[in-house]
Protein backbone atom coordinates (compact mmCIF):
# COMPACT_ATOMS: atom_id res chain seq x y z
CA MET A 1 9.04 -14.01 -29.86
CA HIS A 2 9.03 -17.39 -30.29
CA THR A 3 5.41 -18.24 -30.84
CA ARG A 4 2.14 -16.65 -30.59
CA ARG A 5 1.16 -18.88 -27.73
CA ASP A 6 3.98 -17.47 -25.67
CA PHE A 7 2.60 -13.98 -26.65
CA LEU A 8 -0.85 -14.92 -25.47
CA ARG A 9 0.31 -16.74 -22.12
CA SER A 10 -0.15 -13.85 -19.67
CA THR A 11 -3.88 -12.96 -18.90
CA VAL A 12 -2.99 -9.25 -18.59
CA LEU A 13 -0.43 -8.43 -21.21
CA GLY A 14 -1.95 -11.21 -23.47
CA ALA A 15 -5.17 -8.89 -23.36
CA SER A 16 -3.36 -6.42 -25.67
CA ALA A 17 -3.89 -8.98 -28.43
CA ALA A 18 -7.51 -7.76 -28.62
CA TRP A 19 -6.20 -4.40 -29.93
CA THR A 20 -4.58 -3.37 -33.18
CA VAL A 21 -1.06 -3.98 -31.99
CA PRO A 22 2.14 -2.44 -33.64
CA MET A 23 5.07 -4.79 -34.29
CA PHE A 24 6.95 -3.13 -31.56
CA ILE A 25 4.48 -4.44 -28.87
CA GLU A 26 4.93 -8.29 -30.26
CA ARG A 27 8.83 -7.67 -29.95
CA THR A 28 8.95 -6.16 -26.53
CA PHE A 29 6.10 -8.18 -24.87
CA GLY A 30 7.66 -11.45 -26.21
CA GLN A 31 10.87 -10.53 -24.50
CA LEU A 32 8.82 -9.70 -21.26
CA HIS A 33 7.04 -12.89 -21.50
CA ALA A 34 10.32 -14.92 -21.90
CA GLY A 35 11.76 -13.37 -18.95
CA ALA A 36 8.49 -14.45 -16.95
CA LYS A 37 7.98 -17.75 -18.28
CA ASP A 38 9.01 -20.20 -15.76
CA LEU A 39 8.97 -17.78 -12.67
CA ALA A 40 7.02 -19.48 -9.74
CA ILE A 41 6.90 -16.15 -8.23
CA GLN A 42 4.50 -14.78 -11.06
CA PRO A 43 1.91 -17.48 -12.18
CA VAL A 44 -0.76 -16.82 -14.60
CA THR A 45 -3.49 -16.60 -12.29
CA GLY A 46 -1.69 -15.29 -9.28
CA LYS A 47 -3.95 -17.51 -7.07
CA ASP A 48 -1.10 -18.99 -4.88
CA ASP A 49 1.12 -15.82 -4.18
CA THR A 50 1.32 -13.97 -0.95
CA ILE A 51 0.11 -10.32 -0.88
CA LEU A 52 0.92 -7.31 0.72
CA VAL A 53 -1.24 -4.29 1.15
CA VAL A 54 0.25 -0.99 2.03
CA VAL A 55 -2.09 1.57 3.77
CA GLN A 56 -0.54 5.05 3.72
CA LEU A 57 -1.93 7.33 6.81
CA ALA A 58 -0.94 10.64 4.96
CA GLY A 59 -0.18 13.48 6.99
CA GLY A 60 1.51 12.31 10.23
CA ASN A 61 -0.55 9.93 12.24
CA ASP A 62 -0.52 10.67 16.09
CA GLY A 63 0.42 7.39 17.56
CA LEU A 64 -0.06 8.71 21.01
CA ASN A 65 -3.99 8.82 20.41
CA THR A 66 -3.72 6.09 18.32
CA LEU A 67 -2.09 3.45 20.84
CA VAL A 68 -2.83 5.39 23.92
CA PRO A 69 -0.28 5.12 26.98
CA PHE A 70 -3.32 5.45 29.28
CA ALA A 71 -0.91 4.18 32.66
CA ASP A 72 1.37 6.97 31.88
CA ASP A 73 0.99 10.28 34.10
CA ALA A 74 3.28 12.08 31.55
CA TYR A 75 0.57 11.60 28.95
CA TYR A 76 -2.18 13.54 30.52
CA ARG A 77 0.29 16.15 31.61
CA ALA A 78 1.28 16.70 28.13
CA ARG A 79 -2.32 16.64 26.78
CA PRO A 80 -4.92 18.28 29.06
CA ARG A 81 -7.26 18.71 26.37
CA LEU A 82 -6.42 15.69 23.95
CA ALA A 83 -5.71 12.96 26.31
CA LYS A 84 -8.28 9.98 25.90
CA LYS A 85 -10.47 9.03 28.89
CA ALA A 86 -10.82 5.61 30.21
CA THR A 87 -13.94 5.04 28.38
CA GLU A 88 -12.42 6.17 24.97
CA ILE A 89 -9.64 3.36 25.22
CA ALA A 90 -9.73 -0.17 24.51
CA LYS A 91 -7.12 -1.55 26.78
CA LEU A 92 -4.46 -4.02 25.52
CA ASN A 93 -2.41 -4.40 28.45
CA ASP A 94 -1.75 -2.66 31.64
CA TYR A 95 0.16 0.24 30.07
CA CYS A 96 -1.79 1.27 26.61
CA GLY A 97 -4.68 0.40 24.34
CA LEU A 98 -6.24 1.34 21.19
CA ASN A 99 -8.35 4.39 20.39
CA ALA A 100 -11.87 3.31 21.01
CA SER A 101 -12.69 4.49 17.46
CA MET A 102 -10.91 1.08 16.48
CA PRO A 103 -13.18 -1.77 17.90
CA TYR A 104 -12.33 -4.08 14.94
CA LEU A 105 -8.40 -3.62 15.39
CA ALA A 106 -9.01 -4.40 19.13
CA SER A 107 -10.72 -7.42 18.56
CA LEU A 108 -8.08 -8.48 15.84
CA PHE A 109 -5.28 -7.98 18.44
CA LYS A 110 -7.19 -10.19 20.77
CA GLU A 111 -7.53 -12.83 18.34
CA GLY A 112 -3.69 -12.63 17.70
CA HIS A 113 -3.91 -11.24 14.19
CA LEU A 114 -2.81 -7.78 14.75
CA GLY A 115 0.76 -6.86 15.11
CA ILE A 116 1.61 -3.27 16.70
CA VAL A 117 5.15 -2.00 16.17
CA GLN A 118 5.69 0.50 18.62
CA GLY A 119 8.14 3.50 18.31
CA VAL A 120 8.63 3.14 14.60
CA GLY A 121 10.95 5.66 13.09
CA TYR A 122 14.50 6.26 11.77
CA PRO A 123 17.64 8.02 12.75
CA ASN A 124 17.84 11.93 12.37
CA PRO A 125 14.31 12.12 11.46
CA ASN A 126 12.75 15.15 9.47
CA ARG A 127 9.54 16.96 10.19
CA SER A 128 8.84 17.92 6.79
CA HIS A 129 5.79 15.83 5.09
CA PHE A 130 7.44 15.93 1.72
CA VAL A 131 10.93 14.63 2.91
CA SER A 132 9.91 12.36 5.47
CA THR A 133 7.40 10.59 3.19
CA SER A 134 10.02 10.18 0.54
CA ILE A 135 12.35 8.60 3.12
CA TRP A 136 9.76 6.19 4.15
CA GLU A 137 8.76 5.51 0.27
CA THR A 138 12.40 5.01 -0.82
CA ALA A 139 13.65 3.45 2.24
CA ASP A 140 16.81 5.97 1.92
CA THR A 141 17.31 8.40 4.99
CA SER A 142 19.68 10.24 3.07
CA ASN A 143 16.84 11.23 0.55
CA ARG A 144 19.05 10.66 -2.44
CA SER A 145 17.59 7.47 -4.01
CA GLY A 146 15.72 7.71 -7.34
CA THR A 147 13.83 4.38 -6.76
CA GLY A 148 11.42 3.06 -4.14
CA TRP A 149 11.63 0.08 -1.79
CA LEU A 150 8.99 -1.65 -3.44
CA GLY A 151 10.03 -0.81 -7.16
CA ARG A 152 13.56 -2.39 -6.23
CA TYR A 153 11.61 -5.28 -5.00
CA PHE A 154 9.77 -5.56 -8.40
CA ASP A 155 13.30 -5.10 -10.34
CA ASN A 156 15.36 -7.46 -8.18
CA ALA A 157 12.65 -10.39 -7.09
CA CYS A 158 9.97 -10.27 -10.04
CA PRO A 159 12.00 -10.00 -13.31
CA GLY A 160 9.54 -10.43 -16.10
CA SER A 161 6.66 -9.61 -14.28
CA ASP A 162 3.11 -8.17 -15.76
CA PRO A 163 3.02 -4.47 -15.25
CA THR A 164 0.30 -5.45 -12.55
CA VAL A 165 3.10 -6.85 -10.16
CA GLY A 166 2.12 -3.58 -8.17
CA ILE A 167 -1.22 -1.44 -8.30
CA SER A 168 -1.67 1.68 -6.60
CA PHE A 169 -4.95 3.70 -6.12
CA ASN A 170 -3.27 7.19 -5.57
CA LYS A 171 -3.63 10.24 -7.74
CA SER A 172 0.10 9.59 -8.82
CA GLN A 173 2.36 6.75 -8.60
CA PRO A 174 3.60 6.40 -5.19
CA GLU A 175 7.36 6.85 -4.74
CA SER A 176 7.74 3.47 -3.35
CA PHE A 177 6.73 2.08 -6.87
CA GLY A 178 9.79 3.95 -8.51
CA ALA A 179 11.62 1.35 -10.34
CA VAL A 180 14.29 0.94 -13.24
CA LYS A 181 12.41 -1.75 -14.95
CA ASN A 182 8.76 -2.07 -13.69
CA PRO A 183 7.09 0.64 -11.72
CA GLY A 184 3.76 -0.95 -11.43
CA VAL A 185 0.35 0.35 -12.48
CA CYS A 186 -1.37 3.35 -11.20
CA LEU A 187 -5.26 3.64 -11.02
CA ASN A 188 -7.08 6.77 -10.15
CA THR A 189 -10.33 7.70 -11.66
CA PRO A 190 -13.88 7.95 -10.61
CA GLU A 191 -14.88 5.67 -13.24
CA LEU A 192 -13.40 2.96 -11.36
CA TYR A 193 -16.15 3.32 -8.49
CA ARG A 194 -19.42 3.55 -10.76
CA TRP A 195 -19.93 -0.01 -11.20
CA ILE A 196 -19.35 -0.55 -7.34
CA HIS A 197 -22.23 1.86 -6.40
CA ARG A 198 -24.47 0.59 -9.05
CA GLY A 199 -23.94 -3.03 -8.43
CA GLY A 200 -21.49 -3.86 -11.18
CA GLN A 201 -23.87 -6.24 -13.06
CA GLY A 202 -26.13 -6.49 -16.16
CA ASP A 203 -26.26 -3.31 -18.45
CA GLN A 204 -24.82 -1.12 -15.79
CA ALA A 205 -21.50 -3.12 -15.72
CA GLU A 206 -21.82 -3.15 -19.64
CA GLN A 207 -22.08 0.68 -19.95
CA PHE A 208 -19.11 0.99 -17.56
CA PHE A 209 -16.84 -1.01 -19.63
CA ALA A 210 -18.11 0.53 -22.73
CA ASN A 211 -16.80 4.03 -20.96
CA LEU A 212 -13.29 2.52 -21.05
CA ASN A 213 -13.11 3.19 -24.69
CA GLN A 214 -14.09 6.81 -24.30
CA PRO A 215 -11.43 9.28 -25.38
CA ASP A 216 -11.19 11.23 -21.99
CA LEU A 217 -10.68 8.00 -19.98
CA ASP A 218 -7.92 6.72 -22.58
CA ASP A 219 -6.38 10.20 -22.06
CA GLU A 220 -6.46 9.84 -18.42
CA LEU A 221 -5.06 6.45 -18.47
CA GLU A 222 -2.10 7.50 -20.90
CA ALA A 223 -1.49 10.21 -18.34
CA THR A 224 -1.14 7.43 -15.73
CA ALA A 225 1.34 5.79 -17.91
CA GLY A 226 3.31 8.92 -18.09
CA ALA A 227 3.42 9.09 -14.39
CA SER A 228 4.63 5.40 -14.28
CA ILE A 229 7.45 6.41 -16.93
CA ALA A 230 8.29 9.43 -14.63
CA ASN A 231 8.78 7.11 -11.59
CA SER A 232 11.03 4.73 -13.59
CA ALA A 233 14.25 6.41 -12.31
CA GLY A 234 15.09 7.54 -16.06
CA ALA A 235 15.25 4.16 -17.27
CA LYS A 236 16.27 4.46 -20.88
CA ASN A 237 14.94 1.12 -22.11
CA GLY A 238 12.44 -0.12 -19.55
CA GLY A 239 14.30 -3.33 -19.19
CA VAL A 240 13.84 -4.49 -22.65
CA GLU A 241 16.83 -4.75 -25.09
CA GLY A 242 16.89 -2.86 -28.12
CA GLU A 243 13.69 -0.78 -27.38
CA SER A 244 13.87 3.04 -28.11
CA ASN A 245 12.54 5.55 -25.75
CA LEU A 246 9.63 6.32 -27.94
CA ASP A 247 8.67 2.55 -28.06
CA PHE A 248 8.98 2.37 -24.21
CA LEU A 249 6.56 5.17 -23.86
CA GLU A 250 4.03 3.71 -26.40
CA ARG A 251 4.41 0.32 -24.65
CA VAL A 252 3.49 1.78 -21.10
CA ALA A 253 0.94 3.87 -22.31
CA LEU A 254 -0.91 0.56 -23.95
CA ASP A 255 -0.01 -1.43 -20.69
CA ALA A 256 -2.01 1.17 -18.85
CA ARG A 257 -5.07 1.08 -21.07
CA VAL A 258 -5.12 -2.85 -21.64
CA SER A 259 -4.33 -3.53 -18.12
CA SER A 260 -6.82 -1.27 -16.46
CA LYS A 261 -9.65 -2.70 -18.70
CA LYS A 262 -8.45 -6.37 -17.83
CA ILE A 263 -8.21 -5.49 -14.08
CA LEU A 264 -11.67 -4.24 -14.05
CA GLU A 265 -13.14 -7.19 -15.86
CA LEU A 266 -11.72 -9.41 -13.37
CA ALA A 267 -12.69 -7.39 -10.24
CA ALA A 268 -16.55 -7.05 -11.75
CA LYS A 269 -16.71 -10.99 -11.49
CA HIS A 270 -16.34 -11.03 -7.73
CA LYS A 271 -19.66 -10.93 -5.92
CA THR A 272 -19.69 -10.40 -1.94
CA THR A 273 -22.24 -9.99 0.54
CA VAL A 274 -19.86 -7.81 2.66
CA THR A 275 -20.94 -4.16 3.06
CA TYR A 276 -18.30 -1.43 2.79
CA GLU A 277 -19.01 2.19 3.69
CA GLY A 278 -18.72 4.82 0.91
CA THR A 279 -15.32 6.38 2.19
CA PRO A 280 -12.33 6.66 -0.04
CA ILE A 281 -10.38 4.01 1.75
CA ALA A 282 -13.31 1.51 1.94
CA ARG A 283 -13.85 1.93 -1.94
CA ASN A 284 -10.31 1.32 -2.52
CA LEU A 285 -10.11 -1.62 -0.28
CA ASN A 286 -13.21 -2.85 -1.83
CA LEU A 287 -11.59 -2.82 -5.28
CA VAL A 288 -8.39 -4.67 -3.75
CA SER A 289 -10.54 -7.52 -2.45
CA ARG A 290 -12.23 -7.89 -5.82
CA MET A 291 -8.95 -7.99 -7.72
CA ILE A 292 -7.76 -10.56 -5.49
CA ALA A 293 -10.84 -12.56 -5.85
CA GLY A 294 -10.32 -12.10 -9.53
CA GLY A 295 -6.86 -13.91 -9.51
CA MET A 296 -4.85 -10.94 -10.36
CA PRO A 297 -1.18 -11.74 -10.12
CA THR A 298 -0.40 -8.73 -8.31
CA ARG A 299 1.92 -8.96 -5.17
CA VAL A 300 1.60 -5.54 -3.70
CA TYR A 301 -1.46 -3.19 -3.54
CA TYR A 302 -1.09 0.35 -2.25
CA VAL A 303 -3.83 2.57 -1.02
CA SER A 304 -3.80 5.98 1.04
CA HIS A 305 -6.01 7.43 3.64
CA GLY A 306 -5.21 11.20 4.14
CA GLY A 307 -6.07 13.89 6.52
CA PHE A 308 -3.90 13.04 9.59
CA ASP A 309 -2.08 16.58 9.50
CA THR A 310 -4.04 17.34 12.60
CA HIS A 311 -2.72 20.79 13.76
CA ASN A 312 -6.18 22.19 14.99
CA GLN A 313 -9.10 20.53 16.74
CA GLN A 314 -7.70 17.46 16.45
CA VAL A 315 -9.83 15.08 18.61
CA ASN A 316 -12.93 14.69 16.43
CA SER A 317 -11.09 14.54 13.17
CA HIS A 318 -8.55 12.23 14.28
CA ASP A 319 -11.14 9.64 16.03
CA ARG A 320 -13.01 9.95 12.66
CA LEU A 321 -10.33 8.96 10.36
CA LEU A 322 -9.21 6.19 12.80
CA GLY A 323 -12.87 4.87 12.71
CA GLN A 324 -12.96 4.98 8.90
CA LEU A 325 -9.86 3.05 8.83
CA ASP A 326 -11.29 0.49 11.49
CA SER A 327 -14.46 0.06 9.35
CA ALA A 328 -12.83 -0.43 6.08
CA LEU A 329 -10.34 -3.04 7.22
CA LYS A 330 -13.24 -4.98 8.86
CA SER A 331 -15.00 -5.07 5.57
CA PHE A 332 -11.75 -5.93 3.53
CA PHE A 333 -10.97 -8.82 5.84
CA ALA A 334 -14.41 -10.27 6.10
CA ASP A 335 -14.35 -10.29 2.36
CA LEU A 336 -11.13 -11.92 2.09
CA LYS A 337 -12.36 -14.51 4.56
CA GLN A 338 -15.30 -15.27 2.31
CA GLN A 339 -13.43 -15.53 -0.54
CA GLY A 340 -10.97 -17.99 1.24
CA ASN A 341 -8.13 -15.58 0.53
CA GLU A 342 -7.41 -14.39 3.99
CA ARG A 343 -4.41 -16.33 4.69
CA ARG A 344 -2.78 -14.82 1.52
CA VAL A 345 -2.85 -11.27 2.72
CA VAL A 346 -0.71 -9.22 5.00
CA LEU A 347 -1.93 -5.53 5.64
CA MET A 348 0.61 -2.99 6.86
CA THR A 349 -0.06 0.56 7.82
CA PHE A 350 2.39 3.59 7.82
CA SER A 351 2.40 7.33 8.30
CA GLU A 352 5.60 9.64 7.62
CA PHE A 353 5.88 10.62 11.25
CA GLY A 354 3.92 10.78 14.33
CA ARG A 355 3.04 14.07 16.40
CA ARG A 356 4.67 16.07 19.08
CA VAL A 357 4.11 14.82 22.62
CA GLN A 358 2.87 18.25 23.82
CA GLU A 359 -0.38 19.39 22.58
CA ASN A 360 -0.56 22.81 20.92
CA ALA A 361 -2.51 25.96 21.60
CA SER A 362 -5.07 25.08 18.96
CA ALA A 363 -6.23 21.64 20.74
CA GLY A 364 -4.00 19.92 17.95
CA THR A 365 -0.67 18.37 17.62
CA ASP A 366 2.41 19.57 15.77
CA HIS A 367 4.71 17.37 13.35
CA GLY A 368 6.66 14.89 15.47
CA LYS A 369 8.99 11.84 15.22
CA ALA A 370 8.26 8.25 16.13
CA SER A 371 4.95 6.63 15.98
CA CYS A 372 3.20 3.19 15.66
CA LEU A 373 2.19 1.18 12.86
CA PHE A 374 -0.22 -1.91 12.32
CA LEU A 375 0.38 -5.43 10.70
CA ALA A 376 -2.82 -7.31 10.04
CA GLY A 377 -4.00 -10.54 8.98
CA PRO A 378 -4.23 -14.30 10.04
CA ALA A 379 -0.52 -14.89 9.04
CA VAL A 380 0.66 -12.03 11.37
CA LYS A 381 2.16 -12.99 14.63
CA GLY A 382 -0.27 -10.74 16.78
CA GLY A 383 0.86 -8.78 19.83
CA PHE A 384 3.42 -6.01 20.37
CA HIS A 385 6.81 -5.39 18.77
CA GLY A 386 9.27 -3.12 19.73
CA SER A 387 9.05 -1.16 22.92
CA TYR A 388 6.64 1.88 23.60
CA PRO A 389 9.17 5.11 23.34
CA SER A 390 9.53 6.94 26.84
CA LEU A 391 7.27 10.22 27.02
CA THR A 392 9.71 11.74 29.52
CA LYS A 393 13.22 11.03 27.81
CA LEU A 394 12.13 12.73 24.64
CA SER A 395 14.16 13.91 21.34
CA GLU A 396 13.47 17.69 21.08
CA GLY A 397 10.02 17.35 22.38
CA ASP A 398 9.37 14.26 20.49
CA LEU A 399 9.17 10.44 21.03
CA ALA A 400 12.66 8.74 20.27
CA HIS A 401 12.32 5.92 17.81
CA THR A 402 12.87 2.40 19.02
CA VAL A 403 12.60 0.24 15.84
CA ASP A 404 14.05 1.46 12.48
CA PHE A 405 11.20 1.11 9.83
CA ARG A 406 13.54 -0.53 7.61
CA SER A 407 13.55 -3.39 9.89
CA VAL A 408 10.00 -3.89 9.33
CA TYR A 409 10.31 -3.76 5.59
CA ALA A 410 13.22 -6.24 5.70
CA SER A 411 10.98 -8.57 7.97
CA LEU A 412 8.26 -8.38 5.26
CA LEU A 413 10.38 -8.74 2.31
CA GLN A 414 12.15 -11.79 3.45
CA GLY A 415 9.40 -13.64 5.47
CA TRP A 416 6.30 -12.77 3.20
CA LEU A 417 7.39 -11.54 -0.09
CA LYS A 418 10.29 -14.08 -0.46
CA ALA A 419 12.83 -11.72 -1.82
CA PRO A 420 15.95 -13.42 -2.42
CA ALA A 421 18.22 -10.75 -1.17
CA LEU A 422 17.61 -7.66 0.84
CA LYS A 423 20.53 -5.47 0.29
CA PRO A 424 19.86 -4.60 -3.36
CA ILE A 425 16.19 -3.53 -2.15
CA LEU A 426 16.99 -1.90 1.18
CA GLY A 427 20.63 -0.64 0.60
CA GLY A 428 22.03 -2.22 3.76
CA ASP A 429 21.32 -5.09 6.29
CA PHE A 430 18.68 -4.50 9.04
CA PRO A 431 17.62 -6.93 11.67
CA THR A 432 14.37 -8.54 11.23
CA LEU A 433 11.60 -8.71 13.59
CA PRO A 434 9.30 -11.67 14.38
CA LEU A 435 6.35 -10.12 12.52
CA LEU A 436 4.82 -13.40 10.84
CA GLY A 437 3.39 -16.47 12.76
C-alpha cells in the first residue's frame, strides 16, 4: 500500500478502517485498491455504471402458460384443464399473449420496454433441477465448470473491484457467482428486512444497525463469507499475491461484515413513495432499488423467486407466482424511475427449464425443456426475439429450443456490461441478439 489515502479510497472496502484491522488487511486491501484505482468500470460511487438484475424463477417455469399460444389448437388439445381461456390472456399478437396475471408486463411490452425471448434452452437438455440449474449458472452444457458465468465476468472484466461488484439475496451464493478472484457478496438474513417494514428511520433504524454488532449476526455473516470462499473455485490466494489461505479466509469474513453494514447504511438513506408487497421477491427488489439509489458500485444483483415446480394443481399456484413477479417488477421499475435510475438497469429472468407440453394426471405439468425469458427496462429493445417453438414437432414430448441461452448472455455481456471479450467468460463464441435498444 502506497498511502493511507489509497486505503480509504473505496467507500465499501474503506469502511473496514472503522474496525480494528490486522496488518494483513492493509496489505491485501492495498493491493486490491491498486488494481482498481484507475478502472472506469468501477468508480467509487457507482452512479454511472450499467446494472444487470438477474431474477431466477426457480423450479422450472411453465413457459406455455406464461406466454400462451392461444391461436394454436395443439395447446388446447394438450391441456384440456390447464389451458388459459381468452379472458385469462393479455394478447400481444395474433398468436400468443401473456398470462393475465401479469398486467404490468403486458403494458411494458406495449410501451416497447419488455423483450420476450422465445424458445430458450440448450442442446441435449437435462430435466434434473440440480443439473440444469448448474448448466444455466455456469453456462457450461457439459456441467464440468467450477466457476459461474457471472463470476468469470467479475474476474475477467472487473479486476480489482470491491467485493460488492455482485450481490445476491439467496440462502447461499448462486453458482453463477463462482469465481477465482471475486465471488461477490451474498446477503441473506431476516435482519435485512426489519427496517423496511418499520420504516427504516429514527430510533428503529438506529436499533437495526446496532443489531449488526450482535454475535449471532456476525456469525451469520462469517458463514456467508465461508460460502463465498466455497464458491471461489478453490482459489489459493484469492487473487492477492502473497496472501495465505488463512489470510484469505479472514479477509473475506471481514469483507462480509464490513460490506454488509455499509450496504445497509447506504440503502437506508433512500426514501420512496412506491409501495412494495410483502412477498420475498418484492422485498428483495425493494432492497436492490435502495442499494442502487445509495450509489453502490454493484454491477450485478441476483434474486430468486421460487415455487415453479408445479407438478400438481398448477393453475392457481402458477398464476399466483406470476402475479407476485408482476407486482414486484411494477414497484421496482416505478422506484427506479422515481430515482432517475431506470435507464441504468436491465432485468433478466431465467428458469432452469420449461414444462412438458402435455398436462399430467394431477392437473399439473412435469419437467420439460425450452421455455421463455423476459428482459425488462427502458434500455431493452422490446418485442419478440427468437421464434415460438412448434407444439407439434416436439423433442421427446417437450418444446425444442430455438435460442441458445448463451446467446442471451453474450448479448448482455457485450452490449450492456461491456465485457472486453466473451470467450473467457462463456467458453466459446455465440451469436448475439438485438436485445438492447
